């Protein structure tokens, strides 16, 4: 029976991974083509024993390597499946490939596989890493490698595509169990990505795909990249990390997963931004260097330092002003700003409720609404974590003191006004007995972080425009 597809595999010193991949596709009896980048281990021997057709080509980046593979292998099948050596075809996906018929896919030129990514033996399920669709199966002669990308490789399909949500490829680079390997690898990647982004700023690169939020997985990625490129450098890694950890539930990942999201979502992106600035400054005349951006690390570390100080000071102060082993009566009675904020929020909520005709009373901790029940204002209800994040960012960011103070005061007032609205809505409509996966604290924090990040984005952009206008 003539095979419908062939496999193309990229390798470089993959003696640890290649046998695993070849074993997972052996039953498919499909031609295998291996493009090697000059391995000096046992990779070539392993490929030869599997009867693979082997070519070698100097590695520049993944897009160019795939372009060479598509143009130089003598492919006889209508379809090709393009895999990296550290990937594995699962039995469920293998079953779909066994039953694959070209006649049933005449109107399709590409198929996305669903990927499960592993880091140090753990499946990274949250933080936007699952489901994650990769265009891996393309009609030969129709699909091609996107050379407008320097690091984040993808294939371009002019025709229709489909997504296989069930059946997966597993991706686990066992070399990355050594964190030094991971860091060295991503340091190289950051060079490629920084140069690519600078070239895009200078209109030397364009996107091949048409960006679309509601298009194919790759078109959606192209749309998100356009948004990413508009975000202020050094700010966007923090936004992205918070987005992955909170809104995409990366915080549920466990210790290993959280380390991965920090390294990949924050550290790597921050290094890229630093290298972008280094490239831009090397191209500028000394007189035109933007003095505002001379100390990006100072801003980042000042922000992190202030946030930790504010956040844990509030927790410490709450502990020593609450009855217990380390209780300080004087502070609790005369300087207890936390209790004062709670009383202010309760009284303000009661006033708003009275405007709507509801009778309510409070005892400095609980708010009781006639005919509706009671809500309790615990420490996590006060919004001090949100205020700590917002205050640290505004204070650390390089702007004039007057601008900071106006924005800081307005922001804190805005956060607590929204808090009061929350308490009013909870008192009137929230069913306390209902079993919910996500509580109202989480919902409120997600909404507030979105509002805060949007506000900070426009505040920073306004500052950048003023600097550029002055320059």
Protein backbone atom coordinates (compact mmCIF):
# COMPACT_ATOMS: atom_id res chain seq x y z
CA UNK A 1 0.00 0.00 0.00
CA UNK A 2 1.41 3.39 -1.04
CA UNK A 3 1.94 5.57 2.05
CA UNK A 4 -0.09 8.75 2.27
CA UNK A 5 2.45 10.73 4.29
CA UNK A 6 6.14 10.91 5.13
CA UNK A 7 7.84 12.08 8.30
CA UNK A 8 10.51 14.80 8.36
CA UNK A 9 12.49 15.06 11.59
CA UNK A 10 15.02 17.72 12.58
CA UNK A 11 17.93 16.51 14.72
CA UNK A 12 21.04 17.69 16.50
CA UNK A 13 22.65 15.31 19.02
CA UNK A 14 19.34 13.57 19.63
CA UNK A 15 20.48 10.07 20.60
CA UNK A 16 18.45 10.50 23.77
CA UNK A 17 15.21 11.43 21.98
CA UNK A 18 15.26 9.99 18.46
CA UNK A 19 14.72 6.30 19.43
CA UNK A 20 11.66 7.32 21.43
CA UNK A 21 10.13 9.18 18.47
CA UNK A 22 10.98 6.49 15.91
CA UNK A 23 9.42 3.81 18.11
CA UNK A 24 6.18 5.82 18.32
CA UNK A 25 5.80 5.99 14.51
CA UNK A 26 7.24 2.61 13.55
CA UNK A 27 3.83 0.92 13.06
CA UNK A 28 2.79 3.59 10.55
CA UNK A 29 5.30 2.24 7.99
CA UNK A 30 5.81 5.71 6.54
CA UNK A 31 9.01 7.01 4.91
CA UNK A 32 11.25 8.88 7.36
CA UNK A 33 13.55 11.77 6.40
CA UNK A 34 16.03 13.18 8.89
CA UNK A 35 17.68 16.58 8.49
CA UNK A 36 20.64 16.74 10.86
CA UNK A 37 22.59 19.82 11.93
CA UNK A 38 25.95 18.15 12.41
CA UNK A 39 25.42 15.74 15.29
CA UNK A 40 28.56 14.28 16.86
CA UNK A 41 26.79 11.64 18.96
CA UNK A 42 24.96 8.47 17.86
CA UNK A 43 22.06 10.27 16.15
CA UNK A 44 23.07 9.41 12.57
CA UNK A 45 23.55 5.71 13.37
CA UNK A 46 20.12 5.56 14.98
CA UNK A 47 18.53 7.20 11.92
CA UNK A 48 20.35 4.82 9.55
CA UNK A 49 19.14 1.75 11.46
CA UNK A 50 15.58 3.05 11.01
CA UNK A 51 16.19 3.24 7.22
CA UNK A 52 15.74 7.00 7.25
CA UNK A 53 16.92 9.19 4.39
CA UNK A 54 19.48 11.56 5.90
CA UNK A 55 20.72 14.99 4.87
CA UNK A 56 22.84 17.45 6.80
CA UNK A 57 22.64 21.23 6.81
CA UNK A 58 24.25 23.93 8.96
CA UNK A 59 21.70 25.23 11.47
CA UNK A 60 20.88 28.95 11.44
CA UNK A 61 17.37 28.88 12.82
CA UNK A 62 14.32 26.62 12.67
CA UNK A 63 12.50 28.42 9.81
CA UNK A 64 15.54 28.15 7.52
CA UNK A 65 16.15 24.54 8.53
CA UNK A 66 12.58 23.54 7.69
CA UNK A 67 12.78 25.48 4.43
CA UNK A 68 15.86 23.47 3.46
CA UNK A 69 14.14 20.19 4.40
CA UNK A 70 11.04 20.92 2.32
CA UNK A 71 13.09 21.90 -0.72
CA UNK A 72 15.78 19.21 -0.68
CA UNK A 73 14.18 15.91 0.32
CA UNK A 74 12.70 13.83 -2.51
CA UNK A 75 9.21 13.44 -1.08
CA UNK A 76 6.85 11.08 -2.95
CA UNK A 77 3.81 11.25 -0.65
CA UNK A 78 1.00 13.83 -0.84
CA UNK A 79 1.38 14.70 2.83
CA UNK A 80 4.30 15.29 5.21
CA UNK A 81 4.37 15.32 9.00
CA UNK A 82 7.06 17.60 10.41
CA UNK A 83 8.34 16.75 13.89
CA UNK A 84 11.14 17.71 16.24
CA UNK A 85 13.19 14.87 17.67
CA UNK A 86 11.98 15.51 21.25
CA UNK A 87 8.36 14.90 20.25
CA UNK A 88 6.43 11.62 20.43
CA UNK A 89 3.25 10.48 18.66
CA UNK A 90 0.69 9.15 21.16
CA UNK A 91 -1.30 5.95 20.47
CA UNK A 92 -4.49 8.00 19.99
CA UNK A 93 -2.85 10.17 17.34
CA UNK A 94 -1.25 7.14 15.75
CA UNK A 95 -4.72 5.58 15.38
CA UNK A 96 -5.96 8.68 13.57
CA UNK A 97 -2.97 8.53 11.23
CA UNK A 98 -3.51 4.83 10.53
CA UNK A 99 -7.05 5.62 9.43
CA UNK A 100 -6.10 8.76 7.52
CA UNK A 101 -7.21 8.79 3.87
CA UNK A 102 -6.21 11.48 1.41
CA UNK A 103 -9.50 11.13 -0.48
CA UNK A 104 -11.39 12.27 2.61
CA UNK A 105 -9.25 15.41 2.94
CA UNK A 106 -9.14 16.79 -0.59
CA UNK A 107 -10.29 20.24 0.55
CA UNK A 108 -7.76 20.37 3.42
CA UNK A 109 -4.09 21.40 3.12
CA UNK A 110 -2.99 21.34 6.74
CA UNK A 111 -3.84 19.66 10.06
CA UNK A 112 -3.05 20.96 13.55
CA UNK A 113 -2.00 18.47 16.22
CA UNK A 114 -2.68 19.09 19.89
CA UNK A 115 0.53 19.23 21.94
CA UNK A 116 1.26 18.35 25.54
CA UNK A 117 4.44 20.03 26.76
CA UNK A 118 6.51 18.63 29.63
CA UNK A 119 9.12 20.34 31.82
CA UNK A 120 11.21 18.32 34.28
CA UNK A 121 8.79 15.44 33.94
CA UNK A 122 5.66 17.50 34.60
CA UNK A 123 2.92 18.15 32.06
CA UNK A 124 2.42 21.92 31.81
CA UNK A 125 -1.36 21.97 31.70
CA UNK A 126 -2.12 25.58 32.60
CA UNK A 127 -0.78 29.03 31.79
CA UNK A 128 -1.91 28.88 28.15
CA UNK A 129 0.07 25.72 27.39
CA UNK A 130 -2.86 23.38 26.89
CA UNK A 131 -4.62 22.93 24.59
CA UNK A 132 -1.87 24.11 22.23
CA UNK A 133 -2.20 23.45 18.51
CA UNK A 134 0.75 23.09 16.15
CA UNK A 135 0.49 22.83 12.37
CA UNK A 136 2.44 19.60 11.92
CA UNK A 137 0.80 17.85 8.97
CA UNK A 138 0.85 19.71 5.66
CA UNK A 139 0.14 18.89 2.03
CA UNK A 140 3.49 18.59 0.28
CA UNK A 141 4.12 21.32 -2.28
CA UNK A 142 1.43 23.55 -0.77
CA UNK A 143 2.73 24.36 2.70
CA UNK A 144 6.03 26.17 3.25
CA UNK A 145 8.21 27.45 6.08
CA UNK A 146 7.64 31.04 7.24
CA UNK A 147 11.01 32.74 6.78
CA UNK A 148 9.66 35.99 8.23
CA UNK A 149 10.08 34.39 11.64
CA UNK A 150 13.49 34.15 13.26
CA UNK A 151 12.74 31.88 16.19
CA UNK A 152 9.03 31.15 16.62
CA UNK A 153 8.68 28.82 13.65
CA UNK A 154 5.48 27.98 11.79
CA UNK A 155 4.35 26.62 8.44
CA UNK A 156 2.16 28.63 6.09
CA UNK A 157 -0.82 26.98 4.41
CA UNK A 158 -2.66 29.05 1.76
CA UNK A 159 -5.62 26.65 1.81
CA UNK A 160 -7.95 25.32 4.48
CA UNK A 161 -6.79 23.68 7.69
CA UNK A 162 -8.42 21.62 10.39
CA UNK A 163 -7.64 20.97 14.04
CA UNK A 164 -7.36 17.53 15.64
CA UNK A 165 -8.20 18.20 19.28
CA UNK A 166 -8.02 14.54 20.34
CA UNK A 167 -4.82 12.62 19.85
CA UNK A 168 -1.63 14.38 20.88
CA UNK A 169 2.04 14.79 20.33
CA UNK A 170 4.05 14.80 23.54
CA UNK A 171 6.98 17.19 23.72
CA UNK A 172 9.59 16.66 26.40
CA UNK A 173 13.21 17.68 26.00
CA UNK A 174 15.01 15.53 28.55
CA UNK A 175 18.14 17.67 28.21
CA UNK A 176 16.17 20.50 29.83
CA UNK A 177 16.08 18.57 33.10
CA UNK A 178 19.47 20.25 33.48
CA UNK A 179 18.48 23.87 34.03
CA UNK A 180 21.82 25.11 32.68
CA UNK A 181 20.92 23.60 29.30
CA UNK A 182 17.50 25.31 29.36
CA UNK A 183 19.03 28.70 30.20
CA UNK A 184 21.76 28.42 27.55
CA UNK A 185 19.19 27.38 24.93
CA UNK A 186 16.83 30.24 25.72
CA UNK A 187 19.72 32.68 25.85
CA UNK A 188 20.38 31.79 22.20
CA UNK A 189 16.68 32.07 21.43
CA UNK A 190 16.55 35.52 23.05
CA UNK A 191 19.25 36.72 20.62
CA UNK A 192 17.18 35.55 17.64
CA UNK A 193 13.96 37.02 18.99
CA UNK A 194 15.51 40.39 19.93
CA UNK A 195 17.03 40.85 16.46
CA UNK A 196 13.75 39.83 14.86
CA UNK A 197 11.74 42.37 16.84
CA UNK A 198 14.20 45.17 16.09
CA UNK A 199 13.93 44.33 12.39
CA UNK A 200 10.14 44.50 12.68
CA UNK A 201 10.42 47.95 14.30
CA UNK A 202 12.53 49.04 11.35
CA UNK A 203 10.00 47.58 8.84
CA UNK A 204 12.53 45.02 7.67
CA UNK A 205 10.18 42.13 8.50
CA UNK A 206 6.45 41.71 8.11
CA UNK A 207 3.99 39.05 9.20
CA UNK A 208 3.24 36.48 6.53
CA UNK A 209 -0.02 35.42 8.10
CA UNK A 210 -3.04 37.70 8.31
CA UNK A 211 -3.59 38.30 12.04
CA UNK A 212 -7.05 37.25 13.22
CA UNK A 213 -8.27 36.74 16.77
CA UNK A 214 -10.92 34.31 15.52
CA UNK A 215 -8.89 32.62 12.78
CA UNK A 216 -6.70 29.52 12.85
CA UNK A 217 -4.40 28.91 15.86
CA UNK A 218 -1.48 30.49 13.97
CA UNK A 219 -3.56 33.48 12.83
CA UNK A 220 -4.61 34.01 16.43
CA UNK A 221 -0.95 33.88 17.50
CA UNK A 222 -0.11 36.47 14.83
CA UNK A 223 -2.84 38.75 16.22
CA UNK A 224 -1.53 38.37 19.78
CA UNK A 225 2.00 39.12 18.57
CA UNK A 226 0.82 42.42 17.11
CA UNK A 227 -0.62 43.29 20.51
CA UNK A 228 2.62 42.20 22.23
CA UNK A 229 4.78 44.41 20.03
CA UNK A 230 2.73 47.47 21.05
CA UNK A 231 3.21 46.89 24.78
CA UNK A 232 5.98 48.83 26.57
CA UNK A 233 9.20 46.87 27.01
CA UNK A 234 10.05 45.74 30.55
CA UNK A 235 6.37 46.18 31.46
CA UNK A 236 5.04 43.47 29.18
CA UNK A 237 6.95 40.57 30.80
CA UNK A 238 5.25 41.37 34.11
CA UNK A 239 1.84 41.71 32.45
CA UNK A 240 2.36 38.42 30.61
CA UNK A 241 3.53 36.57 33.71
CA UNK A 242 0.55 37.80 35.74
CA UNK A 243 -1.78 36.89 32.87
CA UNK A 244 -0.39 33.37 32.69
CA UNK A 245 -0.37 32.83 36.44
CA UNK A 246 -3.80 34.29 37.28
CA UNK A 247 -6.02 34.43 34.22
CA UNK A 248 -4.66 31.24 32.63
CA UNK A 249 -4.44 29.51 36.03
CA UNK A 250 -0.69 28.89 35.98
CA UNK A 251 -0.78 29.19 39.76
CA UNK A 252 -2.42 25.74 39.83
CA UNK A 253 0.61 24.17 38.16
CA UNK A 254 2.58 23.28 41.28
CA UNK A 255 6.18 24.16 42.10
CA UNK A 256 7.78 22.85 38.89
CA UNK A 257 5.10 24.39 36.71
CA UNK A 258 5.38 27.76 38.42
CA UNK A 259 9.15 27.69 37.91
CA UNK A 260 8.56 27.01 34.21
CA UNK A 261 6.07 29.87 33.83
CA UNK A 262 8.44 32.26 35.62
CA UNK A 263 11.39 31.27 33.43
CA UNK A 264 9.53 31.09 30.12
CA UNK A 265 6.90 33.78 30.72
CA UNK A 266 8.94 36.39 32.62
CA UNK A 267 12.71 35.76 32.67
CA UNK A 268 13.01 34.90 28.97
CA UNK A 269 10.79 37.82 27.87
CA UNK A 270 12.71 40.23 30.10
CA UNK A 271 16.04 39.13 28.63
CA UNK A 272 14.64 39.69 25.13
CA UNK A 273 13.63 43.24 26.08
CA UNK A 274 17.07 43.96 27.53
CA UNK A 275 18.73 42.73 24.33
CA UNK A 276 16.35 44.79 22.19
CA UNK A 277 17.47 47.92 24.03
CA UNK A 278 21.12 46.93 23.66
CA UNK A 279 20.65 46.55 19.90
CA UNK A 280 18.77 49.84 19.57
CA UNK A 281 21.34 51.76 21.62
CA UNK A 282 24.19 50.34 19.58
CA UNK A 283 22.48 51.76 16.48
CA UNK A 284 21.79 55.20 17.95
CA UNK A 285 23.97 58.25 18.16
CA UNK A 286 24.92 59.03 21.78
CA UNK A 287 23.00 62.32 21.77
CA UNK A 288 19.74 60.57 20.96
CA UNK A 289 19.84 57.91 23.66
CA UNK A 290 16.57 57.94 25.59
CA UNK A 291 17.61 58.68 29.15
CA UNK A 292 14.29 57.43 30.53
CA UNK A 293 15.08 53.87 29.53
CA UNK A 294 18.72 53.82 30.68
CA UNK A 295 17.93 51.81 33.81
CA UNK A 296 15.35 49.14 32.95
CA UNK A 297 16.68 46.74 35.57
CA UNK A 298 16.42 49.48 38.17
CA UNK A 299 12.71 49.86 37.44
CA UNK A 300 12.03 46.11 37.44
CA UNK A 301 13.83 45.41 40.68
CA UNK A 302 12.51 48.55 42.37
CA UNK A 303 8.99 47.46 41.46
CA UNK A 304 9.52 43.93 42.77
CA UNK A 305 11.18 45.20 45.95
CA UNK A 306 8.42 47.72 46.70
CA UNK A 307 5.68 45.23 45.93
CA UNK A 308 7.12 42.67 48.34
CA UNK A 309 7.65 45.34 51.02
CA UNK A 310 4.10 46.71 50.71
CA UNK A 311 2.48 43.29 50.43
CA UNK A 312 4.19 41.67 53.40
CA UNK A 313 4.13 44.79 55.56
CA UNK A 314 0.33 44.78 55.33
CA UNK A 315 0.25 41.11 56.31
CA UNK A 316 2.67 41.72 59.20
CA UNK A 317 0.72 44.74 60.42
CA UNK A 318 -2.54 42.81 60.26
CA UNK A 319 -0.94 40.06 62.34
CA UNK A 320 0.32 42.34 65.11
CA UNK A 321 -2.96 44.27 65.32
CA UNK A 322 -5.09 41.14 65.62
CA UNK A 323 -5.41 39.40 69.02
CA UNK A 324 -2.76 36.69 69.33
CA UNK A 325 0.80 35.98 70.45
CA UNK A 326 2.33 39.10 68.87
CA UNK A 327 -0.50 41.55 69.55
CA UNK A 328 0.43 45.24 69.99
CA UNK A 329 -2.51 47.04 71.69
CA UNK A 330 -1.20 50.56 70.99
CA UNK A 331 -0.94 49.96 67.25
CA UNK A 332 -4.28 48.18 67.19
CA UNK A 333 -6.06 51.04 68.98
CA UNK A 334 -4.37 54.11 67.54
CA UNK A 335 -2.66 53.31 64.21
CA UNK A 336 -4.75 50.47 62.79
CA UNK A 337 -5.18 51.62 59.19
CA UNK A 338 -6.38 48.16 58.16
CA UNK A 339 -9.30 48.23 60.56
CA UNK A 340 -9.97 51.83 59.56
CA UNK A 341 -10.16 50.83 55.90
CA UNK A 342 -12.54 47.97 56.76
CA UNK A 343 -14.85 50.32 58.69
CA UNK A 344 -14.74 52.86 55.87
CA UNK A 345 -15.72 50.20 53.31
CA UNK A 346 -18.54 48.89 55.52
CA UNK A 347 -19.96 52.36 56.21
CA UNK A 348 -19.69 53.39 52.56
CA UNK A 349 -21.41 50.19 51.44
CA UNK A 350 -24.18 50.81 53.97
CA UNK A 351 -24.66 54.35 52.63
CA UNK A 352 -24.90 53.10 49.03
CA UNK A 353 -27.39 50.41 50.08
CA UNK A 354 -29.51 53.08 51.79
CA UNK A 355 -29.65 55.01 48.51
CA UNK A 356 -31.40 51.98 47.01
CA UNK A 357 -33.83 51.72 49.92
CA UNK A 358 -32.19 48.85 51.85
CA UNK A 359 -31.66 48.92 55.60
CA UNK A 360 -28.29 47.69 56.80
CA UNK A 361 -26.09 47.67 59.90
CA UNK A 362 -22.50 46.62 60.54
CA UNK A 363 -20.34 45.69 63.54
CA UNK A 364 -16.95 46.68 62.07
CA UNK A 365 -16.58 43.22 60.52
CA UNK A 366 -19.95 42.11 59.11
CA UNK A 367 -22.53 43.93 57.01
CA UNK A 368 -26.12 42.80 57.61
CA UNK A 369 -28.76 43.80 55.08
CA UNK A 370 -32.42 43.43 56.07
CA UNK A 371 -34.02 40.57 54.16
CA UNK A 372 -30.76 39.64 52.39
CA UNK A 373 -28.37 38.22 54.98
CA UNK A 374 -24.84 39.19 55.92
CA UNK A 375 -21.40 39.41 54.33
CA UNK A 376 -18.10 39.29 56.25
CA UNK A 377 -15.17 41.54 55.33
CA UNK A 378 -12.04 39.52 55.99
CA UNK A 379 -8.50 40.76 55.25
CA UNK A 380 -8.53 39.43 51.67
CA UNK A 381 -11.62 41.57 50.90
CA UNK A 382 -9.84 44.87 51.46
CA UNK A 383 -7.86 44.97 48.21
CA UNK A 384 -4.50 45.61 49.86
CA UNK A 385 -2.71 43.14 47.57
CA UNK A 386 -4.03 44.97 44.51
CA UNK A 387 -3.09 48.32 46.00
CA UNK A 388 0.41 47.02 46.80
CA UNK A 389 0.93 45.94 43.18
CA UNK A 390 -0.45 49.19 41.76
CA UNK A 391 1.45 51.44 44.17
CA UNK A 392 4.76 49.65 43.65
CA UNK A 393 4.47 49.95 39.87
CA UNK A 394 3.56 53.65 39.88
CA UNK A 395 6.25 54.62 42.40
CA UNK A 396 8.95 52.61 40.59
CA UNK A 397 8.15 53.85 37.10
CA UNK A 398 10.32 56.80 35.96
CA UNK A 399 7.91 59.75 35.85
CA UNK A 400 7.64 63.09 37.56
CA UNK A 401 6.54 62.97 41.19
CA UNK A 402 3.42 65.08 40.58
CA UNK A 403 2.24 62.74 37.79
CA UNK A 404 2.85 59.72 40.00
CA UNK A 405 0.97 61.16 42.98
CA UNK A 406 -2.09 62.13 40.92
CA UNK A 407 -2.29 58.75 39.23
CA UNK A 408 -1.53 56.85 42.45
CA UNK A 409 -4.22 58.58 44.50
CA UNK A 410 -6.78 58.30 41.70
CA UNK A 411 -5.97 54.63 41.23
CA UNK A 412 -6.29 53.71 44.93
CA UNK A 413 -9.59 55.60 45.17
CA UNK A 414 -10.79 53.80 42.03
CA UNK A 415 -9.84 50.37 43.44
CA UNK A 416 -11.77 50.97 46.66
CA UNK A 417 -14.80 52.45 44.86
CA UNK A 418 -14.98 49.24 42.85
CA UNK A 419 -14.60 47.34 46.11
CA UNK A 420 -17.62 49.13 47.56
CA UNK A 421 -19.63 48.28 44.45
CA UNK A 422 -18.59 44.65 44.92
CA UNK A 423 -19.82 44.58 48.52
CA UNK A 424 -23.15 46.10 47.54
CA UNK A 425 -23.63 43.54 44.76
CA UNK A 426 -22.60 40.68 47.08
CA UNK A 427 -24.98 41.84 49.80
CA UNK A 428 -27.91 41.96 47.38
CA UNK A 429 -27.36 39.15 44.90
CA UNK A 430 -24.62 36.70 45.93
CA UNK A 431 -25.92 33.29 47.00
CA UNK A 432 -23.73 32.32 49.96
CA UNK A 433 -24.90 28.68 49.93
CA UNK A 434 -24.08 27.97 46.28
CA UNK A 435 -21.11 25.72 45.59
CA UNK A 436 -18.74 27.49 43.22
CA UNK A 437 -15.35 26.51 41.84
CA UNK A 438 -14.23 30.17 41.81
CA UNK A 439 -15.13 32.46 44.72
CA UNK A 440 -15.97 36.14 44.46
CA UNK A 441 -12.46 37.15 45.68
CA UNK A 442 -10.90 35.49 42.63
CA UNK A 443 -13.46 37.00 40.24
CA UNK A 444 -12.92 40.46 41.71
CA UNK A 445 -9.12 40.17 41.59
CA UNK A 446 -9.19 39.04 37.95
CA UNK A 447 -11.42 41.97 36.95
CA UNK A 448 -9.33 44.46 38.94
CA UNK A 449 -6.02 43.19 37.56
CA UNK A 450 -7.40 43.58 34.04
CA UNK A 451 -8.49 47.15 34.80
CA UNK A 452 -5.16 47.95 36.51
CA UNK A 453 -3.07 46.55 33.64
CA UNK A 454 -5.10 48.46 31.04
CA UNK A 455 -4.78 51.67 33.09
CA UNK A 456 -1.03 51.21 33.54
CA UNK A 457 -0.61 50.46 29.85
CA UNK A 458 -2.22 53.75 28.79
CA UNK A 459 -0.42 55.66 31.54
CA UNK A 460 2.95 54.34 30.34
CA UNK A 461 2.08 54.89 26.67
CA UNK A 462 1.11 58.48 27.45
CA UNK A 463 4.53 58.98 29.03
CA UNK A 464 6.32 57.43 26.03
CA UNK A 465 4.45 59.75 23.65
CA UNK A 466 5.41 62.77 25.72
CA UNK A 467 9.09 61.72 25.70
CA UNK A 468 9.11 61.09 21.95
CA UNK A 469 7.40 64.43 21.29
CA UNK A 470 9.98 66.22 23.43
CA UNK A 471 12.82 64.41 21.65
